[in-house]
Amino acid sequence: MRLSSVLTAITVSLALFSGCASKSSCPQVPASEPEEVWQSRLDAMLPLLGHRNWIVITDMAYPLQSGQGITTIYADQPYLEVLKTVNEKIKAAPHVFAHVYNDKELEYITDEMVPGIGELRSGIRSICGPEARSVMHEELISRLDEAGKLFSVLIIKTPLTVPYTTTFFELDCAYWDSVRQSTLDSIVK
């Protein structure tokens, strides 16, 4: 049986079991996807995404959100590899760039609390660059929930089991900026 058939059967079974009236009203079930499959899904979605959309790379404990605009997929690869791939694909896209946010709590976790966190934090910084901002996790979740009401959010879960390692990419237009928008706004009024 093909993986897609198994996933469809699981989704239908969950919908029936949980009493969901339709597949669209049920939370999406993350599937373990080989590298080429999750990357193909990202490649297919990225040209459709624009300013106000989000892409989020998460650890395993990140909740499966049920908002209508939120799609969750599972990449069974190391967190830093997934983060690097997504970051590179966004940077290569001609139409968007990303405002990057990391959980502020990550700055305060020590190697005594979570062995190896310092090395992981360095890897995240190396990929995200110095322009990444640290924001409290709950504030980012609230912003994501709000954005998901009107815009698409792609969440890519990884097998990482380290707290506060979520990276949020808030997409913005690459070929238009706030200065030009302000100028246009003053003309249009």
C-alpha atoms as a PDB file:
ATOM      1  CA  MET A   1       0.000   0.000   0.000  1.00  0.00           C
ATOM      2  CA  ARG A   2       1.374   3.432  -0.947  1.00  0.00           C
ATOM      3  CA  LEU A   3       2.182   5.960   1.777  1.00  0.00           C
ATOM      4  CA  SER A   4      -0.399   8.428   0.421  1.00  0.00           C
ATOM      5  CA  SER A   5      -3.110   5.739   0.600  1.00  0.00           C
ATOM      6  CA  VAL A   6      -2.166   4.912   4.180  1.00  0.00           C
ATOM      7  CA  LEU A   7      -2.235   8.599   5.144  1.00  0.00           C
ATOM      8  CA  THR A   8      -5.645   9.075   3.528  1.00  0.00           C
ATOM      9  CA  ALA A   9      -6.983   6.060   5.412  1.00  0.00           C
ATOM     10  CA  ILE A  10      -5.597   7.382   8.697  1.00  0.00           C
ATOM     11  CA  THR A  11      -7.052  10.858   8.079  1.00  0.00           C
ATOM     12  CA  VAL A  12     -10.490   9.433   7.213  1.00  0.00           C
ATOM     13  CA  SER A  13     -10.378   7.127  10.254  1.00  0.00           C
ATOM     14  CA  LEU A  14      -9.462  10.024  12.520  1.00  0.00           C
ATOM     15  CA  ALA A  15     -12.234  12.144  11.021  1.00  0.00           C
ATOM     16  CA  LEU A  16     -14.800   9.424  11.638  1.00  0.00           C
ATOM     17  CA  PHE A  17     -13.488   8.683  15.114  1.00  0.00           C
ATOM     18  CA  SER A  18     -13.347  12.318  16.195  1.00  0.00           C
ATOM     19  CA  GLY A  19     -16.723  13.175  14.697  1.00  0.00           C
ATOM     20  CA  CYS A  20     -15.434  15.717  12.177  1.00  0.00           C
ATOM     21  CA  ALA A  21     -18.098  16.473   9.603  1.00  0.00           C
ATOM     22  CA  SER A  22     -15.626  16.876   6.762  1.00  0.00           C
ATOM     23  CA  LYS A  23     -11.918  16.486   6.138  1.00  0.00           C
ATOM     24  CA  SER A  24     -11.549  20.285   5.915  1.00  0.00           C
ATOM     25  CA  SER A  25     -12.886  20.736   9.456  1.00  0.00           C
ATOM     26  CA  CYS A  26     -10.411  18.278  10.940  1.00  0.00           C
ATOM     27  CA  PRO A  27      -6.808  18.990  11.895  1.00  0.00           C
ATOM     28  CA  GLN A  28      -4.307  17.716   9.377  1.00  0.00           C
ATOM     29  CA  VAL A  29      -2.324  14.667  10.390  1.00  0.00           C
ATOM     30  CA  PRO A  30       1.427  15.153   9.954  1.00  0.00           C
ATOM     31  CA  ALA A  31       2.980  12.392   7.950  1.00  0.00           C
ATOM     32  CA  SER A  32       6.563  11.267   8.091  1.00  0.00           C
ATOM     33  CA  GLU A  33       7.773  12.295   4.680  1.00  0.00           C
ATOM     34  CA  PRO A  34      11.042  11.515   2.962  1.00  0.00           C
ATOM     35  CA  GLU A  35      13.267  14.493   2.248  1.00  0.00           C
ATOM     36  CA  GLU A  36      12.247  14.798  -1.388  1.00  0.00           C
ATOM     37  CA  VAL A  37       8.520  14.739  -0.501  1.00  0.00           C
ATOM     38  CA  TRP A  38       8.472  17.507   2.117  1.00  0.00           C
ATOM     39  CA  GLN A  39      10.841  19.586   0.000  1.00  0.00           C
ATOM     40  CA  SER A  40       8.581  19.080  -3.023  1.00  0.00           C
ATOM     41  CA  ARG A  41       5.621  20.274  -0.968  1.00  0.00           C
ATOM     42  CA  LEU A  42       7.611  23.337   0.117  1.00  0.00           C
ATOM     43  CA  ASP A  43       8.716  23.981  -3.479  1.00  0.00           C
ATOM     44  CA  ALA A  44       5.098  23.777  -4.654  1.00  0.00           C
ATOM     45  CA  MET A  45       3.811  26.106  -1.923  1.00  0.00           C
ATOM     46  CA  LEU A  46       6.559  28.737  -1.903  1.00  0.00           C
ATOM     47  CA  PRO A  47       5.555  30.432  -5.196  1.00  0.00           C
ATOM     48  CA  LEU A  48       2.007  30.727  -3.827  1.00  0.00           C
ATOM     49  CA  LEU A  49       3.089  32.281  -0.533  1.00  0.00           C
ATOM     50  CA  GLY A  50       3.636  36.005  -0.163  1.00  0.00           C
ATOM     51  CA  HIS A  51       3.687  38.774   2.410  1.00  0.00           C
ATOM     52  CA  ARG A  52       1.745  37.910   5.570  1.00  0.00           C
ATOM     53  CA  ASN A  53       2.282  34.167   5.125  1.00  0.00           C
ATOM     54  CA  TRP A  54       4.458  32.242   7.563  1.00  0.00           C
ATOM     55  CA  ILE A  55       6.720  29.188   7.434  1.00  0.00           C
ATOM     56  CA  VAL A  56       7.590  27.690  10.812  1.00  0.00           C
ATOM     57  CA  ILE A  57      10.213  25.033  11.650  1.00  0.00           C
ATOM     58  CA  THR A  58       9.461  23.256  14.921  1.00  0.00           C
ATOM     59  CA  ASP A  59      10.527  20.609  17.384  1.00  0.00           C
ATOM     60  CA  MET A  60       8.389  17.522  18.067  1.00  0.00           C
ATOM     61  CA  ALA A  61       6.375  18.952  20.972  1.00  0.00           C
ATOM     62  CA  TYR A  62       5.003  21.844  18.928  1.00  0.00           C
ATOM     63  CA  PRO A  63       1.209  21.470  18.946  1.00  0.00           C
ATOM     64  CA  LEU A  64      -0.770  20.348  15.919  1.00  0.00           C
ATOM     65  CA  GLN A  65      -2.779  23.482  15.263  1.00  0.00           C
ATOM     66  CA  SER A  66      -6.263  23.130  13.839  1.00  0.00           C
ATOM     67  CA  GLY A  67      -6.756  26.572  12.329  1.00  0.00           C
ATOM     68  CA  GLN A  68      -8.133  26.581   8.801  1.00  0.00           C
ATOM     69  CA  GLY A  69      -5.128  28.371   7.289  1.00  0.00           C
ATOM     70  CA  ILE A  70      -2.522  26.173   8.941  1.00  0.00           C
ATOM     71  CA  THR A  71      -0.902  23.214   7.183  1.00  0.00           C
ATOM     72  CA  THR A  72       1.429  20.920   9.129  1.00  0.00           C
ATOM     73  CA  ILE A  73       3.881  18.489   7.564  1.00  0.00           C
ATOM     74  CA  TYR A  74       6.569  16.333   9.153  1.00  0.00           C
ATOM     75  CA  ALA A  75      10.165  16.252   7.927  1.00  0.00           C
ATOM     76  CA  ASP A  76      11.982  13.279   9.397  1.00  0.00           C
ATOM     77  CA  GLN A  77      15.373  14.985   9.200  1.00  0.00           C
ATOM     78  CA  PRO A  78      17.611  16.873  11.604  1.00  0.00           C
ATOM     79  CA  TYR A  79      16.222  20.250  12.614  1.00  0.00           C
ATOM     80  CA  LEU A  80      19.256  22.226  11.435  1.00  0.00           C
ATOM     81  CA  GLU A  81      19.134  20.565   7.992  1.00  0.00           C
ATOM     82  CA  VAL A  82      15.449  21.434   7.595  1.00  0.00           C
ATOM     83  CA  LEU A  83      16.053  24.985   8.858  1.00  0.00           C
ATOM     84  CA  LYS A  84      18.946  25.483   6.446  1.00  0.00           C
ATOM     85  CA  THR A  85      16.969  24.144   3.485  1.00  0.00           C
ATOM     86  CA  VAL A  86      13.936  26.337   4.200  1.00  0.00           C
ATOM     87  CA  ASN A  87      16.096  29.423   4.788  1.00  0.00           C
ATOM     88  CA  GLU A  88      17.965  28.872   1.503  1.00  0.00           C
ATOM     89  CA  LYS A  89      14.744  28.351  -0.458  1.00  0.00           C
ATOM     90  CA  ILE A  90      13.224  31.550   0.931  1.00  0.00           C
ATOM     91  CA  LYS A  91      16.405  33.508   0.126  1.00  0.00           C
ATOM     92  CA  ALA A  92      16.375  32.128  -3.438  1.00  0.00           C
ATOM     93  CA  ALA A  93      12.735  33.103  -4.012  1.00  0.00           C
ATOM     94  CA  PRO A  94      12.428  36.251  -6.148  1.00  0.00           C
ATOM     95  CA  HIS A  95       9.177  37.443  -4.594  1.00  0.00           C
ATOM     96  CA  VAL A  96       9.613  37.160  -0.820  1.00  0.00           C
ATOM     97  CA  PHE A  97      12.070  37.627   2.000  1.00  0.00           C
ATOM     98  CA  ALA A  98      11.585  36.663   5.631  1.00  0.00           C
ATOM     99  CA  HIS A  99      11.559  38.390   8.969  1.00  0.00           C
ATOM    100  CA  VAL A 100      13.057  35.655  11.147  1.00  0.00           C
ATOM    101  CA  TYR A 101      12.129  35.078  14.785  1.00  0.00           C
ATOM    102  CA  ASN A 102      13.432  32.630  17.357  1.00  0.00           C
ATOM    103  CA  ASP A 103      12.025  31.858  20.771  1.00  0.00           C
ATOM    104  CA  LYS A 104      13.485  34.292  23.318  1.00  0.00           C
ATOM    105  CA  GLU A 105      13.448  31.525  25.924  1.00  0.00           C
ATOM    106  CA  LEU A 106      16.149  29.707  23.928  1.00  0.00           C
ATOM    107  CA  GLU A 107      18.679  32.360  24.993  1.00  0.00           C
ATOM    108  CA  TYR A 108      18.239  31.415  28.660  1.00  0.00           C
ATOM    109  CA  ILE A 109      18.444  27.626  28.460  1.00  0.00           C
ATOM    110  CA  THR A 110      21.825  26.382  29.645  1.00  0.00           C
ATOM    111  CA  ASP A 111      23.800  23.259  28.804  1.00  0.00           C
ATOM    112  CA  GLU A 112      23.149  22.119  32.379  1.00  0.00           C
ATOM    113  CA  MET A 113      19.395  22.266  31.669  1.00  0.00           C
ATOM    114  CA  VAL A 114      19.625  20.737  28.190  1.00  0.00           C
ATOM    115  CA  PRO A 115      22.986  19.195  27.257  1.00  0.00           C
ATOM    116  CA  GLY A 116      24.132  20.389  23.829  1.00  0.00           C
ATOM    117  CA  ILE A 117      21.822  23.415  23.704  1.00  0.00           C
ATOM    118  CA  GLY A 118      24.744  25.810  23.230  1.00  0.00           C
ATOM    119  CA  GLU A 119      25.895  24.020  20.083  1.00  0.00           C
ATOM    120  CA  LEU A 120      22.340  23.847  18.725  1.00  0.00           C
ATOM    121  CA  ARG A 121      21.778  27.545  19.483  1.00  0.00           C
ATOM    122  CA  SER A 122      25.000  28.366  17.601  1.00  0.00           C
ATOM    123  CA  GLY A 123      23.810  26.328  14.631  1.00  0.00           C
ATOM    124  CA  ILE A 124      20.478  28.163  14.590  1.00  0.00           C
ATOM    125  CA  ARG A 125      22.239  31.552  14.765  1.00  0.00           C
ATOM    126  CA  SER A 126      24.621  30.547  12.005  1.00  0.00           C
ATOM    127  CA  ILE A 127      21.724  29.681   9.693  1.00  0.00           C
ATOM    128  CA  CYS A 128      19.336  32.499  10.635  1.00  0.00           C
ATOM    129  CA  GLY A 129      21.948  35.238  10.771  1.00  0.00           C
ATOM    130  CA  PRO A 130      22.267  38.222  13.069  1.00  0.00           C
ATOM    131  CA  GLU A 131      19.029  39.792  11.810  1.00  0.00           C
ATOM    132  CA  ALA A 132      16.906  37.096  13.504  1.00  0.00           C
ATOM    133  CA  ARG A 133      14.942  38.571  16.393  1.00  0.00           C
ATOM    134  CA  SER A 134      14.212  36.891  19.712  1.00  0.00           C
ATOM    135  CA  VAL A 135      10.569  37.080  20.792  1.00  0.00           C
ATOM    136  CA  MET A 136       8.715  35.289  23.574  1.00  0.00           C
ATOM    137  CA  HIS A 137       7.276  31.990  22.321  1.00  0.00           C
ATOM    138  CA  GLU A 138       3.690  32.734  23.371  1.00  0.00           C
ATOM    139  CA  GLU A 139       3.740  36.085  21.556  1.00  0.00           C
ATOM    140  CA  LEU A 140       4.877  34.354  18.359  1.00  0.00           C
ATOM    141  CA  ILE A 141       2.174  31.684  18.741  1.00  0.00           C
ATOM    142  CA  SER A 142      -0.450  34.431  19.156  1.00  0.00           C
ATOM    143  CA  ARG A 143       0.798  36.211  16.034  1.00  0.00           C
ATOM    144  CA  LEU A 144       0.724  32.926  14.133  1.00  0.00           C
ATOM    145  CA  ASP A 145      -2.819  32.133  15.308  1.00  0.00           C
ATOM    146  CA  GLU A 146      -3.965  35.575  14.170  1.00  0.00           C
ATOM    147  CA  ALA A 147      -2.222  35.287  10.800  1.00  0.00           C
ATOM    148  CA  GLY A 148      -3.718  31.814  10.260  1.00  0.00           C
ATOM    149  CA  LYS A 149      -7.238  33.272  10.347  1.00  0.00           C
ATOM    150  CA  LEU A 150      -6.687  35.029   7.011  1.00  0.00           C
ATOM    151  CA  PHE A 151      -3.421  33.756   5.578  1.00  0.00           C
ATOM    152  CA  SER A 152      -1.661  30.446   5.004  1.00  0.00           C
ATOM    153  CA  VAL A 153       0.850  29.165   7.513  1.00  0.00           C
ATOM    154  CA  LEU A 154       3.110  26.199   6.753  1.00  0.00           C
ATOM    155  CA  ILE A 155       4.458  24.359   9.793  1.00  0.00           C
ATOM    156  CA  ILE A 156       7.249  21.849   9.294  1.00  0.00           C
ATOM    157  CA  LYS A 157       7.756  19.626  12.335  1.00  0.00           C
ATOM    158  CA  THR A 158      11.065  17.860  12.867  1.00  0.00           C
ATOM    159  CA  PRO A 159      12.115  15.034  15.211  1.00  0.00           C
ATOM    160  CA  LEU A 160      14.061  17.431  17.467  1.00  0.00           C
ATOM    161  CA  THR A 161      13.204  17.040  21.157  1.00  0.00           C
ATOM    162  CA  VAL A 162      14.679  20.249  22.557  1.00  0.00           C
ATOM    163  CA  PRO A 163      12.420  22.983  23.964  1.00  0.00           C
ATOM    164  CA  TYR A 164      12.041  26.486  22.545  1.00  0.00           C
ATOM    165  CA  THR A 165      13.755  25.786  19.256  1.00  0.00           C
ATOM    166  CA  THR A 166      10.988  26.971  16.931  1.00  0.00           C
ATOM    167  CA  THR A 167      12.041  29.294  14.113  1.00  0.00           C
ATOM    168  CA  PHE A 168       9.382  31.503  12.555  1.00  0.00           C
ATOM    169  CA  PHE A 169       9.710  32.968   9.053  1.00  0.00           C
ATOM    170  CA  GLU A 170       7.219  35.796   8.503  1.00  0.00           C
ATOM    171  CA  LEU A 171       7.240  36.384   4.767  1.00  0.00           C
ATOM    172  CA  ASP A 172       7.258  39.826   3.228  1.00  0.00           C
ATOM    173  CA  CYS A 173       7.378  41.220  -0.309  1.00  0.00           C
ATOM    174  CA  ALA A 174      10.886  41.233  -1.765  1.00  0.00           C
ATOM    175  CA  TYR A 175      10.237  43.814  -4.459  1.00  0.00           C
ATOM    176  CA  TRP A 176       8.296  46.453  -2.502  1.00  0.00           C
ATOM    177  CA  ASP A 177       9.192  48.149   0.762  1.00  0.00           C
ATOM    178  CA  SER A 178       7.584  50.333   3.435  1.00  0.00           C
ATOM    179  CA  VAL A 179       9.231  53.534   2.135  1.00  0.00           C
ATOM    180  CA  ARG A 180       7.714  53.113  -1.319  1.00  0.00           C
ATOM    181  CA  GLN A 181       4.400  52.090   0.254  1.00  0.00           C
ATOM    182  CA  SER A 182       4.360  55.271   2.364  1.00  0.00           C
ATOM    183  CA  THR A 183       5.090  57.353  -0.726  1.00  0.00           C
ATOM    184  CA  LEU A 184       2.271  55.647  -2.619  1.00  0.00           C
ATOM    185  CA  ASP A 185      -0.115  56.069   0.328  1.00  0.00           C
ATOM    186  CA  SER A 186       0.563  59.834   0.412  1.00  0.00           C
ATOM    187  CA  ILE A 187      -0.162  60.122  -3.306  1.00  0.00           C
ATOM    188  CA  VAL A 188      -3.308  58.002  -3.264  1.00  0.00           C
ATOM    189  CA  LYS A 189      -4.930  59.957  -0.401  1.00  0.00           C
END
